[in-house]
Protein backbone atom coordinates (compact mmCIF):
# COMPACT_ATOMS: atom_id res chain seq x y z
CA MET A 1 4.52 -11.56 -22.14
CA LYS A 2 5.98 -8.60 -20.42
CA THR A 3 4.76 -5.57 -20.80
CA TRP A 4 1.08 -7.54 -20.73
CA LYS A 5 1.44 -8.27 -16.48
CA ARG A 6 3.49 -4.93 -15.98
CA ILE A 7 0.43 -3.05 -17.49
CA PHE A 8 -1.94 -5.79 -15.70
CA ALA A 9 -0.02 -4.77 -12.68
CA LEU A 10 -0.39 -0.80 -13.21
CA LEU A 11 -3.84 -1.97 -13.85
CA GLY A 12 -4.44 -3.85 -10.51
CA ALA A 13 -2.41 -1.12 -8.16
CA VAL A 14 -4.44 1.52 -10.13
CA ILE A 15 -7.86 -0.08 -8.75
CA LEU A 16 -6.64 -0.89 -5.37
CA ALA A 17 -5.42 2.05 -4.70
CA GLY A 18 -8.96 3.33 -5.99
CA LEU A 19 -10.27 0.62 -3.30
CA TYR A 20 -8.66 2.33 -0.55
CA ALA A 21 -9.55 5.87 -1.52
CA ALA A 22 -12.50 4.74 -1.77
CA SER A 23 -13.20 3.33 1.94
CA LEU A 24 -11.72 6.30 3.03
CA ILE A 25 -14.39 8.47 1.60
CA PHE A 26 -17.26 6.23 2.83
CA ALA A 27 -15.54 5.85 6.29
CA LEU A 28 -15.74 9.20 6.80
CA LEU A 29 -18.98 9.49 5.15
CA ASP A 30 -22.08 9.70 7.46
CA SER A 31 -25.08 7.99 5.73
CA PRO A 32 -26.57 4.83 5.77
CA LEU A 33 -25.13 3.64 2.02
CA ALA A 34 -21.80 4.88 3.59
CA MET A 35 -21.86 1.98 5.67
CA ASP A 36 -22.35 -0.99 2.64
CA LEU A 37 -20.29 0.37 0.53
CA LEU A 38 -17.46 0.67 2.84
CA THR A 39 -18.52 -2.64 3.28
CA ILE A 40 -18.49 -3.65 -0.16
CA THR A 41 -14.98 -2.04 -0.52
CA ILE A 42 -12.62 -3.40 2.45
CA ALA A 43 -14.60 -6.89 0.72
CA ALA A 44 -13.14 -6.16 -2.95
CA THR A 45 -9.50 -5.23 -1.75
CA ILE A 46 -9.64 -8.28 -0.72
CA PHE A 47 -10.67 -10.49 -3.02
CA LEU A 48 -9.06 -8.78 -5.78
CA PRO A 49 -5.56 -9.01 -5.03
CA VAL A 50 -6.12 -12.59 -3.91
CA THR A 51 -7.99 -13.77 -7.51
CA LEU A 52 -5.07 -12.11 -9.29
CA TYR A 53 -2.91 -14.04 -7.03
CA ALA A 54 -5.00 -17.01 -8.45
CA CYS A 55 -5.08 -15.93 -11.94
CA MET A 56 -1.21 -15.74 -12.53
CA ILE A 57 -0.76 -18.34 -10.34
CA LEU A 58 -3.54 -21.54 -12.79
CA SER A 59 -1.20 -19.38 -15.93
CA ARG A 60 1.81 -20.65 -14.95
CA LEU A 61 0.06 -24.07 -14.50
CA MET A 62 -1.30 -23.89 -17.69
CA ASN A 63 2.39 -22.62 -19.44
CA ARG A 64 4.44 -25.20 -17.35
CA GLN A 65 2.22 -28.04 -19.10
CA GLY A 66 1.56 -26.66 -22.43
CA SER A 67 5.65 -26.56 -22.46
CA ASP A 68 5.51 -30.18 -21.81
CA ASP A 69 3.49 -30.92 -23.99
CA SER A 70 5.36 -30.10 -26.63
CA LYS A 71 8.51 -31.27 -25.19
CA ASN A 72 6.80 -34.58 -26.01
CA ASP A 73 5.59 -34.26 -29.40
CA SER A 74 9.13 -33.09 -30.72
């Protein structure tokens, strides 16, 4: 389980770094499409960590409930 968490953490960090780099590039471009892409990357930079954090919390809650059910059965 720790290995998967590390892999997903590294993957999330790489994706966020890519989003930061894309935001910087789109901010420097002078194109009508660049402004829309900049808005999307900024929104994704906020939305992705919040979503991942919510998934972590739900995962912890599901594991607790699953372990409580197994203790009651034995």
